[in-house]
Amino acid sequence: MLHGALGPANDAALEHVPGREAETARRMLAELAAARSAADVLEARVHEGAREKERSERLVASLRDALDVARAALAAAPPPEELQALREAAARADTVAGDARARAE
């Protein structure tokens, strides 16, 4: 079972090793190959984690920029009392325009 999994290079290197030691060496090589595979998986996860961190950092920066824009817009907005006065003036203008339309018809 381990024989084929280790590949011909490892088998060739172990040809001169006596039977019991060769089997032990094959097991050790198989464990090393499994450890290498696990290390490769962990490395891929670390790289994915780094990419996710970069995406999160870009998202946070974008949200901060949007918050700055919103704060600037709020700072530039007229005070609530002025907004209410503007709404009332707009409603009066709409009423006057409606009356003018009705007279024109």
N, C-alpha and C. Protein backbone atom coordinates (compact mmCIF):
# COMPACT_ATOMS: atom_id res chain seq x y z
N MET A 1 0.82 -1.19 0.00
CA MET A 1 0.00 0.00 0.00
C MET A 1 0.87 1.25 0.00
N LEU A 2 1.82 1.35 0.93
CA LEU A 2 2.70 2.49 0.98
C LEU A 2 3.65 2.51 -0.21
N HIS A 3 3.95 1.34 -0.71
CA HIS A 3 4.93 1.21 -1.77
C HIS A 3 4.62 2.11 -2.96
N GLY A 4 3.42 2.05 -3.49
CA GLY A 4 3.04 2.85 -4.63
C GLY A 4 2.83 4.32 -4.29
N ALA A 5 2.44 4.60 -3.08
CA ALA A 5 2.13 5.96 -2.69
C ALA A 5 3.37 6.83 -2.59
N LEU A 6 4.52 6.22 -2.35
CA LEU A 6 5.73 7.00 -2.15
C LEU A 6 6.44 7.33 -3.45
N GLY A 7 6.17 6.61 -4.46
CA GLY A 7 6.77 6.90 -5.75
C GLY A 7 8.06 6.12 -5.98
N PRO A 8 8.45 6.00 -7.25
CA PRO A 8 9.62 5.18 -7.61
C PRO A 8 10.94 5.76 -7.08
N ALA A 9 11.06 7.07 -6.95
CA ALA A 9 12.32 7.65 -6.47
C ALA A 9 12.60 7.22 -5.04
N ASN A 10 11.57 7.23 -4.21
CA ASN A 10 11.75 6.80 -2.83
C ASN A 10 12.02 5.31 -2.76
N ASP A 11 11.33 4.54 -3.57
CA ASP A 11 11.53 3.10 -3.58
C ASP A 11 12.95 2.77 -4.02
N ALA A 12 13.44 3.46 -5.03
CA ALA A 12 14.80 3.21 -5.52
C ALA A 12 15.83 3.57 -4.45
N ALA A 13 15.58 4.62 -3.70
CA ALA A 13 16.51 5.03 -2.66
C ALA A 13 16.53 4.03 -1.52
N LEU A 14 15.47 3.27 -1.37
CA LEU A 14 15.38 2.33 -0.25
C LEU A 14 15.74 0.89 -0.65
N GLU A 15 16.14 0.66 -1.88
CA GLU A 15 16.44 -0.71 -2.33
C GLU A 15 17.57 -1.34 -1.55
N HIS A 16 18.56 -0.56 -1.16
CA HIS A 16 19.73 -1.12 -0.46
C HIS A 16 19.49 -1.24 1.05
N VAL A 17 18.36 -0.75 1.54
CA VAL A 17 18.05 -0.80 2.97
C VAL A 17 17.38 -2.14 3.28
N PRO A 18 17.83 -2.80 4.37
CA PRO A 18 17.23 -4.08 4.73
C PRO A 18 15.72 -3.97 4.97
N GLY A 19 14.99 -5.05 4.83
CA GLY A 19 13.53 -5.11 4.84
C GLY A 19 12.83 -4.36 5.94
N ARG A 20 13.14 -4.65 7.19
CA ARG A 20 12.44 -4.02 8.30
C ARG A 20 12.72 -2.51 8.35
N GLU A 21 13.96 -2.12 8.16
CA GLU A 21 14.32 -0.71 8.16
C GLU A 21 13.70 0.01 6.97
N ALA A 22 13.63 -0.68 5.83
CA ALA A 22 13.03 -0.09 4.63
C ALA A 22 11.55 0.18 4.86
N GLU A 23 10.88 -0.78 5.50
CA GLU A 23 9.45 -0.58 5.77
C GLU A 23 9.25 0.58 6.74
N THR A 24 10.10 0.68 7.74
CA THR A 24 10.03 1.80 8.68
C THR A 24 10.29 3.12 7.94
N ALA A 25 11.30 3.11 7.08
CA ALA A 25 11.62 4.31 6.31
C ALA A 25 10.46 4.68 5.39
N ARG A 26 9.83 3.67 4.78
CA ARG A 26 8.68 3.93 3.92
C ARG A 26 7.53 4.56 4.73
N ARG A 27 7.30 4.01 5.93
CA ARG A 27 6.25 4.60 6.78
C ARG A 27 6.58 6.05 7.14
N MET A 28 7.83 6.29 7.48
CA MET A 28 8.25 7.65 7.83
C MET A 28 8.09 8.59 6.64
N LEU A 29 8.47 8.09 5.46
CA LEU A 29 8.32 8.91 4.25
C LEU A 29 6.84 9.19 3.97
N ALA A 30 6.00 8.18 4.21
CA ALA A 30 4.56 8.38 4.00
C ALA A 30 4.03 9.42 4.99
N GLU A 31 4.49 9.35 6.24
CA GLU A 31 4.07 10.35 7.23
C GLU A 31 4.57 11.74 6.84
N LEU A 32 5.78 11.81 6.33
CA LEU A 32 6.31 13.10 5.88
C LEU A 32 5.51 13.63 4.69
N ALA A 33 5.14 12.74 3.78
CA ALA A 33 4.34 13.17 2.63
C ALA A 33 2.98 13.67 3.10
N ALA A 34 2.38 12.99 4.07
CA ALA A 34 1.08 13.44 4.60
C ALA A 34 1.24 14.78 5.32
N ALA A 35 2.33 14.92 6.06
CA ALA A 35 2.58 16.20 6.75
C ALA A 35 2.78 17.31 5.74
N ARG A 36 3.49 17.01 4.67
CA ARG A 36 3.71 18.02 3.62
C ARG A 36 2.38 18.43 2.98
N SER A 37 1.54 17.44 2.75
CA SER A 37 0.22 17.73 2.18
C SER A 37 -0.59 18.59 3.13
N ALA A 38 -0.57 18.27 4.42
CA ALA A 38 -1.29 19.06 5.41
C ALA A 38 -0.72 20.48 5.47
N ALA A 39 0.61 20.59 5.38
CA ALA A 39 1.24 21.92 5.39
C ALA A 39 0.81 22.72 4.17
N ASP A 40 0.71 22.06 3.01
CA ASP A 40 0.26 22.76 1.80
C ASP A 40 -1.18 23.26 1.96
N VAL A 41 -2.03 22.45 2.58
CA VAL A 41 -3.42 22.85 2.82
C VAL A 41 -3.45 24.04 3.77
N LEU A 42 -2.66 23.98 4.83
CA LEU A 42 -2.62 25.10 5.79
C LEU A 42 -2.08 26.36 5.13
N GLU A 43 -1.08 26.21 4.29
CA GLU A 43 -0.53 27.38 3.59
C GLU A 43 -1.59 28.01 2.68
N ALA A 44 -2.35 27.18 2.00
CA ALA A 44 -3.42 27.70 1.14
C ALA A 44 -4.46 28.44 1.99
N ARG A 45 -4.77 27.90 3.18
CA ARG A 45 -5.72 28.58 4.06
C ARG A 45 -5.17 29.91 4.54
N VAL A 46 -3.88 29.95 4.84
CA VAL A 46 -3.26 31.20 5.29
C VAL A 46 -3.34 32.24 4.17
N HIS A 47 -3.05 31.82 2.94
CA HIS A 47 -3.13 32.75 1.81
C HIS A 47 -4.57 33.23 1.61
N GLU A 48 -5.52 32.33 1.74
CA GLU A 48 -6.93 32.72 1.61
C GLU A 48 -7.30 33.69 2.73
N GLY A 49 -6.81 33.41 3.93
CA GLY A 49 -7.06 34.31 5.05
C GLY A 49 -6.47 35.69 4.79
N ALA A 50 -5.29 35.73 4.19
CA ALA A 50 -4.66 37.02 3.87
C ALA A 50 -5.48 37.77 2.82
N ARG A 51 -5.97 37.03 1.82
CA ARG A 51 -6.81 37.67 0.80
C ARG A 51 -8.11 38.18 1.42
N GLU A 52 -8.70 37.40 2.31
CA GLU A 52 -9.94 37.82 2.98
C GLU A 52 -9.67 39.05 3.84
N LYS A 53 -8.53 39.08 4.50
CA LYS A 53 -8.18 40.24 5.32
C LYS A 53 -8.04 41.48 4.44
N GLU A 54 -7.39 41.34 3.29
CA GLU A 54 -7.25 42.48 2.37
C GLU A 54 -8.61 42.96 1.89
N ARG A 55 -9.50 42.03 1.56
CA ARG A 55 -10.85 42.41 1.13
C ARG A 55 -11.58 43.14 2.26
N SER A 56 -11.44 42.64 3.47
CA SER A 56 -12.09 43.29 4.62
C SER A 56 -11.52 44.68 4.85
N GLU A 57 -10.21 44.82 4.72
CA GLU A 57 -9.59 46.14 4.91
C GLU A 57 -10.06 47.12 3.86
N ARG A 58 -10.19 46.66 2.60
CA ARG A 58 -10.70 47.54 1.55
C ARG A 58 -12.15 47.93 1.82
N LEU A 59 -12.95 46.98 2.29
CA LEU A 59 -14.35 47.27 2.61
C LEU A 59 -14.44 48.28 3.75
N VAL A 60 -13.63 48.11 4.77
CA VAL A 60 -13.65 49.06 5.90
C VAL A 60 -13.24 50.45 5.41
N ALA A 61 -12.21 50.53 4.58
CA ALA A 61 -11.78 51.83 4.05
C ALA A 61 -12.90 52.48 3.23
N SER A 62 -13.59 51.67 2.43
CA SER A 62 -14.69 52.18 1.61
C SER A 62 -15.83 52.68 2.50
N LEU A 63 -16.15 51.92 3.53
CA LEU A 63 -17.21 52.35 4.45
C LEU A 63 -16.82 53.62 5.20
N ARG A 64 -15.56 53.73 5.57
CA ARG A 64 -15.11 54.96 6.23
C ARG A 64 -15.24 56.16 5.29
N ASP A 65 -14.87 55.95 4.03
CA ASP A 65 -15.00 57.04 3.04
C ASP A 65 -16.47 57.44 2.89
N ALA A 66 -17.36 56.45 2.81
CA ALA A 66 -18.79 56.74 2.68
C ALA A 66 -19.30 57.48 3.92
N LEU A 67 -18.82 57.09 5.08
CA LEU A 67 -19.21 57.78 6.31
C LEU A 67 -18.73 59.23 6.30
N ASP A 68 -17.51 59.45 5.82
CA ASP A 68 -16.99 60.82 5.72
C ASP A 68 -17.85 61.66 4.78
N VAL A 69 -18.25 61.08 3.66
CA VAL A 69 -19.11 61.79 2.69
C VAL A 69 -20.45 62.11 3.34
N ALA A 70 -21.01 61.14 4.06
CA ALA A 70 -22.31 61.37 4.72
C ALA A 70 -22.19 62.46 5.78
N ARG A 71 -21.09 62.45 6.53
CA ARG A 71 -20.89 63.50 7.54
C ARG A 71 -20.78 64.87 6.89
N ALA A 72 -20.05 64.93 5.77
CA ALA A 72 -19.90 66.20 5.07
C ALA A 72 -21.25 66.69 4.55
N ALA A 73 -22.06 65.77 4.03
CA ALA A 73 -23.39 66.14 3.54
C ALA A 73 -24.27 66.64 4.67
N LEU A 74 -24.19 66.00 5.82
CA LEU A 74 -24.98 66.46 6.96
C LEU A 74 -24.50 67.82 7.46
N ALA A 75 -23.20 68.02 7.43
CA ALA A 75 -22.67 69.31 7.87
C ALA A 75 -23.10 70.43 6.93
N ALA A 76 -23.25 70.11 5.64
CA ALA A 76 -23.63 71.12 4.65
C ALA A 76 -25.15 71.33 4.59
N ALA A 77 -25.91 70.43 5.18
CA ALA A 77 -27.37 70.54 5.12
C ALA A 77 -27.84 71.69 6.01
N PRO A 78 -28.92 72.32 5.60
CA PRO A 78 -29.47 73.39 6.44
C PRO A 78 -30.02 72.83 7.75
N PRO A 79 -30.13 73.65 8.76
CA PRO A 79 -30.68 73.17 10.03
C PRO A 79 -32.13 72.74 9.87
N PRO A 80 -32.62 71.91 10.77
CA PRO A 80 -34.00 71.39 10.65
C PRO A 80 -35.05 72.49 10.58
N GLU A 81 -34.86 73.56 11.32
CA GLU A 81 -35.87 74.63 11.29
C GLU A 81 -35.96 75.22 9.89
N GLU A 82 -34.79 75.40 9.27
CA GLU A 82 -34.77 75.96 7.91
C GLU A 82 -35.41 74.99 6.92
N LEU A 83 -35.15 73.69 7.10
CA LEU A 83 -35.77 72.69 6.22
C LEU A 83 -37.29 72.74 6.35
N GLN A 84 -37.79 72.89 7.55
CA GLN A 84 -39.24 72.97 7.75
C GLN A 84 -39.81 74.20 7.06
N ALA A 85 -39.10 75.32 7.18
CA ALA A 85 -39.56 76.55 6.51
C ALA A 85 -39.56 76.36 5.00
N LEU A 86 -38.53 75.68 4.48
CA LEU A 86 -38.46 75.42 3.03
C LEU A 86 -39.61 74.50 2.58
N ARG A 87 -39.93 73.49 3.40
CA ARG A 87 -41.04 72.59 3.06
C ARG A 87 -42.37 73.38 3.02
N GLU A 88 -42.55 74.22 4.00
CA GLU A 88 -43.79 75.02 4.04
C GLU A 88 -43.87 75.96 2.85
N ALA A 89 -42.74 76.59 2.48
CA ALA A 89 -42.72 77.48 1.31
C ALA A 89 -43.00 76.70 0.04
N ALA A 90 -42.46 75.49 -0.05
CA ALA A 90 -42.71 74.66 -1.23
C ALA A 90 -44.18 74.26 -1.30
N ALA A 91 -44.77 73.94 -0.17
CA ALA A 91 -46.20 73.59 -0.14
C ALA A 91 -47.05 74.78 -0.56
N ARG A 92 -46.71 75.99 -0.09
CA ARG A 92 -47.45 77.19 -0.50
C ARG A 92 -47.30 77.43 -2.00
N ALA A 93 -46.07 77.26 -2.51
CA ALA A 93 -45.84 77.46 -3.94
C ALA A 93 -46.62 76.44 -4.75
N ASP A 94 -46.70 75.21 -4.26
CA ASP A 94 -47.47 74.18 -4.95
C ASP A 94 -48.95 74.55 -4.97
N THR A 95 -49.44 75.06 -3.87
CA THR A 95 -50.84 75.50 -3.80
C THR A 95 -51.10 76.63 -4.78
N VAL A 96 -50.21 77.62 -4.80
CA VAL A 96 -50.36 78.75 -5.72
C VAL A 96 -50.31 78.27 -7.16
N ALA A 97 -49.41 77.36 -7.45
CA ALA A 97 -49.30 76.82 -8.82
C ALA A 97 -50.57 76.06 -9.18
N GLY A 98 -51.12 75.32 -8.24
CA GLY A 98 -52.37 74.59 -8.50
C GLY A 98 -53.52 75.54 -8.76
N ASP A 99 -53.57 76.61 -7.97
CA ASP A 99 -54.63 77.62 -8.20
C ASP A 99 -54.47 78.27 -9.56
N ALA A 100 -53.26 78.59 -9.92
CA ALA A 100 -53.00 79.23 -11.22
C ALA A 100 -53.39 78.29 -12.35
N ARG A 101 -53.11 77.05 -12.23
CA ARG A 101 -53.48 76.05 -13.25
C ARG A 101 -54.99 75.97 -13.36
N ALA A 102 -55.66 75.97 -12.22
CA ALA A 102 -57.12 75.87 -12.23
C ALA A 102 -57.73 77.11 -12.92
N ARG A 103 -57.20 78.28 -12.68
CA ARG A 103 -57.72 79.50 -13.33
C ARG A 103 -57.42 79.49 -14.82
N ALA A 104 -56.29 78.93 -15.20
CA ALA A 104 -55.89 78.91 -16.61
C ALA A 104 -56.79 77.97 -17.41
N GLU A 105 -57.34 76.99 -16.80
CA GLU A 105 -58.18 76.01 -17.52
C GLU A 105 -59.52 76.52 -17.73
